[in-house]
PDB file of N, CA and C in Angstrom:
ATOM      1  N   MET A   1      21.003  -5.582  17.195  1.00  0.00           N
ATOM      2  CA  MET A   1      21.724  -5.079  16.050  1.00  0.00           C
ATOM      3  C   MET A   1      22.075  -6.209  15.091  1.00  0.00           C
ATOM      4  N   ALA A   2      22.478  -7.342  15.631  1.00  0.00           N
ATOM      5  CA  ALA A   2      22.850  -8.469  14.770  1.00  0.00           C
ATOM      6  C   ALA A   2      21.648  -8.937  13.959  1.00  0.00           C
ATOM      7  N   ARG A   3      20.482  -8.938  14.588  1.00  0.00           N
ATOM      8  CA  ARG A   3      19.263  -9.368  13.887  1.00  0.00           C
ATOM      9  C   ARG A   3      18.939  -8.420  12.733  1.00  0.00           C
ATOM     10  N   LEU A   4      19.126  -7.120  12.969  1.00  0.00           N
ATOM     11  CA  LEU A   4      18.880  -6.139  11.915  1.00  0.00           C
ATOM     12  C   LEU A   4      19.861  -6.349  10.768  1.00  0.00           C
ATOM     13  N   SER A   5      21.108  -6.629  11.088  1.00  0.00           N
ATOM     14  CA  SER A   5      22.107  -6.884  10.043  1.00  0.00           C
ATOM     15  C   SER A   5      21.730  -8.103   9.211  1.00  0.00           C
ATOM     16  N   ILE A   6      21.237  -9.127   9.875  1.00  0.00           N
ATOM     17  CA  ILE A   6      20.813 -10.345   9.166  1.00  0.00           C
ATOM     18  C   ILE A   6      19.619 -10.029   8.271  1.00  0.00           C
ATOM     19  N   LEU A   7      18.650  -9.271   8.793  1.00  0.00           N
ATOM     20  CA  LEU A   7      17.476  -8.898   7.991  1.00  0.00           C
ATOM     21  C   LEU A   7      17.877  -8.074   6.773  1.00  0.00           C
ATOM     22  N   LEU A   8      18.804  -7.141   6.965  1.00  0.00           N
ATOM     23  CA  LEU A   8      19.249  -6.320   5.836  1.00  0.00           C
ATOM     24  C   LEU A   8      19.978  -7.165   4.797  1.00  0.00           C
ATOM     25  N   LYS A   9      20.794  -8.114   5.265  1.00  0.00           N
ATOM     26  CA  LYS A   9      21.483  -9.012   4.334  1.00  0.00           C
ATOM     27  C   LYS A   9      20.467  -9.865   3.588  1.00  0.00           C
ATOM     28  N   ASN A  10      19.469 -10.371   4.311  1.00  0.00           N
ATOM     29  CA  ASN A  10      18.421 -11.166   3.670  1.00  0.00           C
ATOM     30  C   ASN A  10      17.662 -10.337   2.641  1.00  0.00           C
ATOM     31  N   LEU A  11      17.403  -9.074   2.963  1.00  0.00           N
ATOM     32  CA  LEU A  11      16.707  -8.195   2.033  1.00  0.00           C
ATOM     33  C   LEU A  11      17.518  -8.037   0.743  1.00  0.00           C
ATOM     34  N   LYS A  12      18.825  -7.826   0.888  1.00  0.00           N
ATOM     35  CA  LYS A  12      19.682  -7.699  -0.304  1.00  0.00           C
ATOM     36  C   LYS A  12      19.692  -8.993  -1.093  1.00  0.00           C
ATOM     37  N   ASP A  13      19.743 -10.131  -0.399  1.00  0.00           N
ATOM     38  CA  ASP A  13      19.709 -11.428  -1.077  1.00  0.00           C
ATOM     39  C   ASP A  13      18.404 -11.605  -1.840  1.00  0.00           C
ATOM     40  N   ILE A  14      17.293 -11.254  -1.211  1.00  0.00           N
ATOM     41  CA  ILE A  14      15.981 -11.385  -1.851  1.00  0.00           C
ATOM     42  C   ILE A  14      15.893 -10.464  -3.057  1.00  0.00           C
ATOM     43  N   GLN A  15      16.370  -9.240  -2.905  1.00  0.00           N
ATOM     44  CA  GLN A  15      16.337  -8.311  -4.036  1.00  0.00           C
ATOM     45  C   GLN A  15      17.173  -8.863  -5.187  1.00  0.00           C
ATOM     46  N   GLY A  16      18.294  -9.490  -4.867  1.00  0.00           N
ATOM     47  CA  GLY A  16      19.119 -10.119  -5.900  1.00  0.00           C
ATOM     48  C   GLY A  16      18.397 -11.274  -6.564  1.00  0.00           C
ATOM     49  N   GLN A  17      17.692 -12.079  -5.765  1.00  0.00           N
ATOM     50  CA  GLN A  17      16.933 -13.198  -6.325  1.00  0.00           C
ATOM     51  C   GLN A  17      15.818 -12.702  -7.231  1.00  0.00           C
ATOM     52  N   ILE A  18      15.146 -11.654  -6.806  1.00  0.00           N
ATOM     53  CA  ILE A  18      14.073 -11.083  -7.628  1.00  0.00           C
ATOM     54  C   ILE A  18      14.667 -10.578  -8.934  1.00  0.00           C
ATOM     55  N   GLU A  19      15.802  -9.908  -8.837  1.00  0.00           N
ATOM     56  CA  GLU A  19      16.467  -9.394 -10.032  1.00  0.00           C
ATOM     57  C   GLU A  19      16.814 -10.543 -10.985  1.00  0.00           C
ATOM     58  N   LYS A  20      17.388 -11.611 -10.447  1.00  0.00           N
ATOM     59  CA  LYS A  20      17.739 -12.766 -11.274  1.00  0.00           C
ATOM     60  C   LYS A  20      16.501 -13.423 -11.875  1.00  0.00           C
ATOM     61  N   ALA A  21      15.465 -13.567 -11.045  1.00  0.00           N
ATOM     62  CA  ALA A  21      14.247 -14.251 -11.490  1.00  0.00           C
ATOM     63  C   ALA A  21      13.509 -13.471 -12.561  1.00  0.00           C
ATOM     64  N   THR A  22      13.727 -12.179 -12.605  1.00  0.00           N
ATOM     65  CA  THR A  22      12.979 -11.362 -13.556  1.00  0.00           C
ATOM     66  C   THR A  22      13.823 -10.875 -14.723  1.00  0.00           C
ATOM     67  N   ARG A  23      15.035 -11.353 -14.846  1.00  0.00           N
ATOM     68  CA  ARG A  23      15.898 -10.881 -15.934  1.00  0.00           C
ATOM     69  C   ARG A  23      15.589 -11.522 -17.263  1.00  0.00           C
ATOM     70  N   GLY A  24      15.837 -12.801 -17.400  1.00  0.00           N
ATOM     71  CA  GLY A  24      15.618 -13.462 -18.679  1.00  0.00           C
ATOM     72  C   GLY A  24      16.567 -12.960 -19.752  1.00  0.00           C
ATOM     73  N   GLY A  25      17.830 -12.766 -19.437  1.00  0.00           N
ATOM     74  CA  GLY A  25      18.814 -12.311 -20.409  1.00  0.00           C
ATOM     75  C   GLY A  25      18.995 -10.809 -20.366  1.00  0.00           C
ATOM     76  N   LYS A  26      18.148 -10.100 -21.040  1.00  0.00           N
ATOM     77  CA  LYS A  26      18.264  -8.640 -21.112  1.00  0.00           C
ATOM     78  C   LYS A  26      17.634  -7.961 -19.907  1.00  0.00           C
ATOM     79  N   GLY A  27      16.827  -8.663 -19.193  1.00  0.00           N
ATOM     80  CA  GLY A  27      16.163  -8.078 -18.029  1.00  0.00           C
ATOM     81  C   GLY A  27      14.731  -7.676 -18.344  1.00  0.00           C
ATOM     82  N   LEU A  28      13.860  -7.993 -17.444  1.00  0.00           N
ATOM     83  CA  LEU A  28      12.461  -7.629 -17.612  1.00  0.00           C
ATOM     84  C   LEU A  28      12.167  -6.374 -16.825  1.00  0.00           C
ATOM     85  N   LYS A  29      11.072  -5.746 -17.140  1.00  0.00           N
ATOM     86  CA  LYS A  29      10.698  -4.502 -16.481  1.00  0.00           C
ATOM     87  C   LYS A  29      10.083  -4.771 -15.119  1.00  0.00           C
ATOM     88  N   ASP A  30       9.715  -3.712 -14.464  1.00  0.00           N
ATOM     89  CA  ASP A  30       9.113  -3.819 -13.133  1.00  0.00           C
ATOM     90  C   ASP A  30       7.858  -4.684 -13.126  1.00  0.00           C
ATOM     91  N   GLU A  31       7.204  -4.812 -14.258  1.00  0.00           N
ATOM     92  CA  GLU A  31       5.975  -5.616 -14.305  1.00  0.00           C
ATOM     93  C   GLU A  31       6.252  -7.061 -13.902  1.00  0.00           C
ATOM     94  N   ALA A  32       7.387  -7.589 -14.309  1.00  0.00           N
ATOM     95  CA  ALA A  32       7.738  -8.963 -13.948  1.00  0.00           C
ATOM     96  C   ALA A  32       8.000  -9.071 -12.451  1.00  0.00           C
ATOM     97  N   ARG A  33       8.676  -8.089 -11.893  1.00  0.00           N
ATOM     98  CA  ARG A  33       8.926  -8.076 -10.443  1.00  0.00           C
ATOM     99  C   ARG A  33       7.609  -7.999  -9.683  1.00  0.00           C
ATOM    100  N   LYS A  34       6.733  -7.136 -10.162  1.00  0.00           N
ATOM    101  CA  LYS A  34       5.434  -6.984  -9.506  1.00  0.00           C
ATOM    102  C   LYS A  34       4.644  -8.288  -9.554  1.00  0.00           C
ATOM    103  N   SER A  35       4.663  -8.951 -10.692  1.00  0.00           N
ATOM    104  CA  SER A  35       3.943 -10.229 -10.836  1.00  0.00           C
ATOM    105  C   SER A  35       4.517 -11.288  -9.910  1.00  0.00           C
ATOM    106  N   TYR A  36       5.837 -11.350  -9.835  1.00  0.00           N
ATOM    107  CA  TYR A  36       6.514 -12.319  -8.970  1.00  0.00           C
ATOM    108  C   TYR A  36       6.108 -12.101  -7.516  1.00  0.00           C
ATOM    109  N   LEU A  37       6.197 -10.854  -7.065  1.00  0.00           N
ATOM    110  CA  LEU A  37       5.835 -10.542  -5.680  1.00  0.00           C
ATOM    111  C   LEU A  37       4.348 -10.748  -5.431  1.00  0.00           C
ATOM    112  N   ALA A  38       3.526 -10.422  -6.420  1.00  0.00           N
ATOM    113  CA  ALA A  38       2.074 -10.602  -6.282  1.00  0.00           C
ATOM    114  C   ALA A  38       1.752 -12.059  -6.005  1.00  0.00           C
ATOM    115  N   SER A  39       2.381 -12.955  -6.745  1.00  0.00           N
ATOM    116  CA  SER A  39       2.103 -14.381  -6.552  1.00  0.00           C
ATOM    117  C   SER A  39       2.583 -14.853  -5.184  1.00  0.00           C
ATOM    118  N   LYS A  40       3.721 -14.347  -4.732  1.00  0.00           N
ATOM    119  CA  LYS A  40       4.250 -14.735  -3.416  1.00  0.00           C
ATOM    120  C   LYS A  40       3.339 -14.242  -2.284  1.00  0.00           C
ATOM    121  N   VAL A  41       2.934 -12.983  -2.355  1.00  0.00           N
ATOM    122  CA  VAL A  41       2.113 -12.391  -1.293  1.00  0.00           C
ATOM    123  C   VAL A  41       0.745 -13.077  -1.240  1.00  0.00           C
ATOM    124  N   LYS A  42       0.099 -13.194  -2.385  1.00  0.00           N
ATOM    125  CA  LYS A  42      -1.236 -13.790  -2.406  1.00  0.00           C
ATOM    126  C   LYS A  42      -1.182 -15.263  -2.006  1.00  0.00           C
ATOM    127  N   GLY A  43      -0.168 -15.981  -2.488  1.00  0.00           N
ATOM    128  CA  GLY A  43      -0.021 -17.393  -2.135  1.00  0.00           C
ATOM    129  C   GLY A  43       0.156 -17.587  -0.641  1.00  0.00           C
ATOM    130  N   TYR A  44       0.999 -16.754  -0.035  1.00  0.00           N
ATOM    131  CA  TYR A  44       1.223 -16.832   1.412  1.00  0.00           C
ATOM    132  C   TYR A  44      -0.072 -16.559   2.161  1.00  0.00           C
ATOM    133  N   ARG A  45      -0.765 -15.501   1.744  1.00  0.00           N
ATOM    134  CA  ARG A  45      -1.995 -15.105   2.440  1.00  0.00           C
ATOM    135  C   ARG A  45      -3.047 -16.209   2.385  1.00  0.00           C
ATOM    136  N   ILE A  46      -3.250 -16.765   1.220  1.00  0.00           N
ATOM    137  CA  ILE A  46      -4.254 -17.820   1.061  1.00  0.00           C
ATOM    138  C   ILE A  46      -3.841 -19.079   1.813  1.00  0.00           C
ATOM    139  N   LYS A  47      -2.578 -19.450   1.693  1.00  0.00           N
ATOM    140  CA  LYS A  47      -2.065 -20.653   2.372  1.00  0.00           C
ATOM    141  C   LYS A  47      -2.261 -20.571   3.886  1.00  0.00           C
ATOM    142  N   ASN A  48      -2.149 -19.366   4.422  1.00  0.00           N
ATOM    143  CA  ASN A  48      -2.267 -19.176   5.864  1.00  0.00           C
ATOM    144  C   ASN A  48      -3.658 -18.731   6.306  1.00  0.00           C
ATOM    145  N   GLY A  49      -4.611 -18.719   5.379  1.00  0.00           N
ATOM    146  CA  GLY A  49      -5.992 -18.394   5.718  1.00  0.00           C
ATOM    147  C   GLY A  49      -6.196 -16.977   6.224  1.00  0.00           C
ATOM    148  N   LEU A  50      -5.429 -16.044   5.695  1.00  0.00           N
ATOM    149  CA  LEU A  50      -5.526 -14.656   6.133  1.00  0.00           C
ATOM    150  C   LEU A  50      -6.313 -13.826   5.123  1.00  0.00           C
ATOM    151  N   SER A  51      -7.046 -12.850   5.625  1.00  0.00           N
ATOM    152  CA  SER A  51      -7.671 -11.878   4.730  1.00  0.00           C
ATOM    153  C   SER A  51      -6.597 -10.849   4.372  1.00  0.00           C
ATOM    154  N   GLN A  52      -6.886 -10.019   3.394  1.00  0.00           N
ATOM    155  CA  GLN A  52      -5.928  -8.966   3.046  1.00  0.00           C
ATOM    156  C   GLN A  52      -5.728  -8.030   4.231  1.00  0.00           C
ATOM    157  N   GLU A  53      -6.792  -7.766   4.941  1.00  0.00           N
ATOM    158  CA  GLU A  53      -6.702  -6.893   6.109  1.00  0.00           C
ATOM    159  C   GLU A  53      -5.857  -7.531   7.214  1.00  0.00           C
ATOM    160  N   ASP A  54      -6.033  -8.834   7.439  1.00  0.00           N
ATOM    161  CA  ASP A  54      -5.240  -9.538   8.459  1.00  0.00           C
ATOM    162  C   ASP A  54      -3.753  -9.483   8.121  1.00  0.00           C
ATOM    163  N   LEU A  55      -3.433  -9.738   6.847  1.00  0.00           N
ATOM    164  CA  LEU A  55      -2.027  -9.710   6.432  1.00  0.00           C
ATOM    165  C   LEU A  55      -1.469  -8.298   6.581  1.00  0.00           C
ATOM    166  N   ALA A  56      -2.248  -7.308   6.216  1.00  0.00           N
ATOM    167  CA  ALA A  56      -1.798  -5.919   6.341  1.00  0.00           C
ATOM    168  C   ALA A  56      -1.460  -5.586   7.797  1.00  0.00           C
ATOM    169  N   LYS A  57      -2.325  -5.987   8.721  1.00  0.00           N
ATOM    170  CA  LYS A  57      -2.072  -5.737  10.142  1.00  0.00           C
ATOM    171  C   LYS A  57      -0.815  -6.456  10.603  1.00  0.00           C
ATOM    172  N   LYS A  58      -0.656  -7.690  10.152  1.00  0.00           N
ATOM    173  CA  LYS A  58       0.507  -8.489  10.536  1.00  0.00           C
ATOM    174  C   LYS A  58       1.808  -7.851  10.056  1.00  0.00           C
ATOM    175  N   LEU A  59       1.749  -7.229   8.878  1.00  0.00           N
ATOM    176  CA  LEU A  59       2.938  -6.613   8.293  1.00  0.00           C
ATOM    177  C   LEU A  59       3.117  -5.154   8.697  1.00  0.00           C
ATOM    178  N   GLY A  60       2.083  -4.580   9.309  1.00  0.00           N
ATOM    179  CA  GLY A  60       2.165  -3.178   9.714  1.00  0.00           C
ATOM    180  C   GLY A  60       2.009  -2.208   8.553  1.00  0.00           C
ATOM    181  N   VAL A  61       1.211  -2.610   7.560  1.00  0.00           N
ATOM    182  CA  VAL A  61       0.945  -1.742   6.405  1.00  0.00           C
ATOM    183  C   VAL A  61      -0.565  -1.595   6.244  1.00  0.00           C
ATOM    184  N   GLY A  62      -0.966  -0.733   5.335  1.00  0.00           N
ATOM    185  CA  GLY A  62      -2.382  -0.555   5.066  1.00  0.00           C
ATOM    186  C   GLY A  62      -2.939  -1.669   4.188  1.00  0.00           C
ATOM    187  N   ARG A  63      -4.237  -1.902   4.310  1.00  0.00           N
ATOM    188  CA  ARG A  63      -4.907  -2.940   3.516  1.00  0.00           C
ATOM    189  C   ARG A  63      -4.751  -2.679   2.018  1.00  0.00           C
ATOM    190  N   LEU A  64      -4.800  -1.412   1.638  1.00  0.00           N
ATOM    191  CA  LEU A  64      -4.667  -1.075   0.219  1.00  0.00           C
ATOM    192  C   LEU A  64      -3.287  -1.428  -0.335  1.00  0.00           C
ATOM    193  N   ALA A  65      -2.266  -1.388   0.516  1.00  0.00           N
ATOM    194  CA  ALA A  65      -0.920  -1.789   0.077  1.00  0.00           C
ATOM    195  C   ALA A  65      -0.932  -3.260  -0.329  1.00  0.00           C
ATOM    196  N   VAL A  66      -1.534  -4.098   0.497  1.00  0.00           N
ATOM    197  CA  VAL A  66      -1.613  -5.533   0.193  1.00  0.00           C
ATOM    198  C   VAL A  66      -2.404  -5.751  -1.091  1.00  0.00           C
ATOM    199  N   ILE A  67      -3.480  -5.041  -1.247  1.00  0.00           N
ATOM    200  CA  ILE A  67      -4.291  -5.164  -2.459  1.00  0.00           C
ATOM    201  C   ILE A  67      -3.457  -4.794  -3.688  1.00  0.00           C
ATOM    202  N   ARG A  68      -2.721  -3.698  -3.611  1.00  0.00           N
ATOM    203  CA  ARG A  68      -1.894  -3.259  -4.746  1.00  0.00           C
ATOM    204  C   ARG A  68      -0.801  -4.274  -5.055  1.00  0.00           C
ATOM    205  N   TRP A  69      -0.183  -4.863  -4.012  1.00  0.00           N
ATOM    206  CA  TRP A  69       0.852  -5.871  -4.246  1.00  0.00           C
ATOM    207  C   TRP A  69       0.259  -7.084  -4.943  1.00  0.00           C
ATOM    208  N   GLU A  70      -0.890  -7.540  -4.446  1.00  0.00           N
ATOM    209  CA  GLU A  70      -1.509  -8.745  -5.001  1.00  0.00           C
ATOM    210  C   GLU A  70      -1.997  -8.543  -6.432  1.00  0.00           C
ATOM    211  N   LYS A  71      -2.334  -7.324  -6.779  1.00  0.00           N
ATOM    212  CA  LYS A  71      -2.776  -7.031  -8.144  1.00  0.00           C
ATOM    213  C   LYS A  71      -1.614  -6.589  -9.031  1.00  0.00           C
ATOM    214  N   ALA A  72      -0.393  -6.675  -8.491  1.00  0.00           N
ATOM    215  CA  ALA A  72       0.828  -6.296  -9.214  1.00  0.00           C
ATOM    216  C   ALA A  72       0.775  -4.837  -9.674  1.00  0.00           C
ATOM    217  N   LYS A  73       0.204  -3.986  -8.825  1.00  0.00           N
ATOM    218  CA  LYS A  73       0.119  -2.555  -9.133  1.00  0.00           C
ATOM    219  C   LYS A  73       1.289  -1.780  -8.534  1.00  0.00           C
ATOM    220  N   SER A  74       1.938  -2.355  -7.514  1.00  0.00           N
ATOM    221  CA  SER A  74       3.085  -1.692  -6.893  1.00  0.00           C
ATOM    222  C   SER A  74       4.000  -2.730  -6.265  1.00  0.00           C
ATOM    223  N   ILE A  75       5.191  -2.265  -5.919  1.00  0.00           N
ATOM    224  CA  ILE A  75       6.199  -3.100  -5.260  1.00  0.00           C
ATOM    225  C   ILE A  75       6.321  -2.614  -3.817  1.00  0.00           C
ATOM    226  N   PRO A  76       6.437  -3.536  -2.861  1.00  0.00           N
ATOM    227  CA  PRO A  76       6.577  -3.111  -1.458  1.00  0.00           C
ATOM    228  C   PRO A  76       7.801  -2.234  -1.241  1.00  0.00           C
ATOM    229  N   SER A  77       7.696  -1.320  -0.302  1.00  0.00           N
ATOM    230  CA  SER A  77       8.831  -0.485   0.092  1.00  0.00           C
ATOM    231  C   SER A  77       9.891  -1.372   0.738  1.00  0.00           C
ATOM    232  N   LYS A  78      11.058  -0.811   0.978  1.00  0.00           N
ATOM    233  CA  LYS A  78      12.122  -1.584   1.632  1.00  0.00           C
ATOM    234  C   LYS A  78      11.692  -2.036   3.018  1.00  0.00           C
ATOM    235  N   LEU A  79      11.016  -1.162   3.737  1.00  0.00           N
ATOM    236  CA  LEU A  79      10.543  -1.522   5.074  1.00  0.00           C
ATOM    237  C   LEU A  79       9.532  -2.662   4.994  1.00  0.00           C
ATOM    238  N   ALA A  80       8.621  -2.569   4.037  1.00  0.00           N
ATOM    239  CA  ALA A  80       7.625  -3.627   3.867  1.00  0.00           C
ATOM    240  C   ALA A  80       8.303  -4.924   3.438  1.00  0.00           C
ATOM    241  N   MET A  81       9.338  -4.827   2.601  1.00  0.00           N
ATOM    242  CA  MET A  81      10.070  -6.027   2.180  1.00  0.00           C
ATOM    243  C   MET A  81      10.709  -6.712   3.389  1.00  0.00           C
ATOM    244  N   LYS A  82      11.242  -5.919   4.309  1.00  0.00           N
ATOM    245  CA  LYS A  82      11.820  -6.494   5.533  1.00  0.00           C
ATOM    246  C   LYS A  82      10.760  -7.283   6.292  1.00  0.00           C
ATOM    247  N   GLN A  83       9.568  -6.720   6.390  1.00  0.00           N
ATOM    248  CA  GLN A  83       8.478  -7.403   7.092  1.00  0.00           C
ATOM    249  C   GLN A  83       8.058  -8.670   6.342  1.00  0.00           C
ATOM    250  N   LEU A  84       8.029  -8.616   5.019  1.00  0.00           N
ATOM    251  CA  LEU A  84       7.680  -9.791   4.220  1.00  0.00           C
ATOM    252  C   LEU A  84       8.692 -10.914   4.461  1.00  0.00           C
ATOM    253  N   ILE A  85       9.949 -10.549   4.570  1.00  0.00           N
ATOM    254  CA  ILE A  85      10.995 -11.547   4.849  1.00  0.00           C
ATOM    255  C   ILE A  85      10.830 -12.084   6.269  1.00  0.00           C
ATOM    256  N   LYS A  86      10.639 -11.183   7.211  1.00  0.00           N
ATOM    257  CA  LYS A  86      10.496 -11.565   8.629  1.00  0.00           C
ATOM    258  C   LYS A  86       9.331 -12.532   8.824  1.00  0.00           C
ATOM    259  N   GLU A  87       8.219 -12.290   8.133  1.00  0.00           N
ATOM    260  CA  GLU A  87       7.027 -13.140   8.263  1.00  0.00           C
ATOM    261  C   GLU A  87       7.111 -14.398   7.416  1.00  0.00           C
ATOM    262  N   GLY A  88       8.140 -14.497   6.583  1.00  0.00           N
ATOM    263  CA  GLY A  88       8.296 -15.699   5.775  1.00  0.00           C
ATOM    264  C   GLY A  88       7.490 -15.689   4.473  1.00  0.00           C
ATOM    265  N   VAL A  89       7.004 -14.521   4.101  1.00  0.00           N
ATOM    266  CA  VAL A  89       6.266 -14.410   2.846  1.00  0.00           C
ATOM    267  C   VAL A  89       7.227 -14.626   1.678  1.00  0.00           C
ATOM    268  N   ILE A  90       8.380 -14.019   1.784  1.00  0.00           N
ATOM    269  CA  ILE A  90       9.441 -14.173   0.795  1.00  0.00           C
ATOM    270  C   ILE A  90      10.608 -14.849   1.515  1.00  0.00           C
ATOM    271  N   MET A  91      11.108 -15.900   0.925  1.00  0.00           N
ATOM    272  CA  MET A  91      12.185 -16.650   1.556  1.00  0.00           C
ATOM    273  C   MET A  91      13.366 -16.747   0.604  1.00  0.00           C
ATOM    274  N   LYS A  92      14.501 -17.114   1.170  1.00  0.00           N
ATOM    275  CA  LYS A  92      15.702 -17.347   0.358  1.00  0.00           C
ATOM    276  C   LYS A  92      15.526 -18.526  -0.539  1.00  0.00           C
TER     277      LYS A  92
END
């Protein structure tokens, strides 16, 4: 239970960081958030020598989800965000 509480707190912290990183005064739209996450996901995958399919399996999501994140077409779900934090894709 304590680990889940820490993960949830980390998720809120990360969401806050994303919000801050994508504001720029008045705030940017979801496109900026998608771009930010796309660079983090793709950078992690390449740095660790993983294919999109390998990363998807590691995170417990479909390969198409990883493709959409990397192309900034969608934002990971809350559950997927927890996995991204757990795997160190997104850090504090």
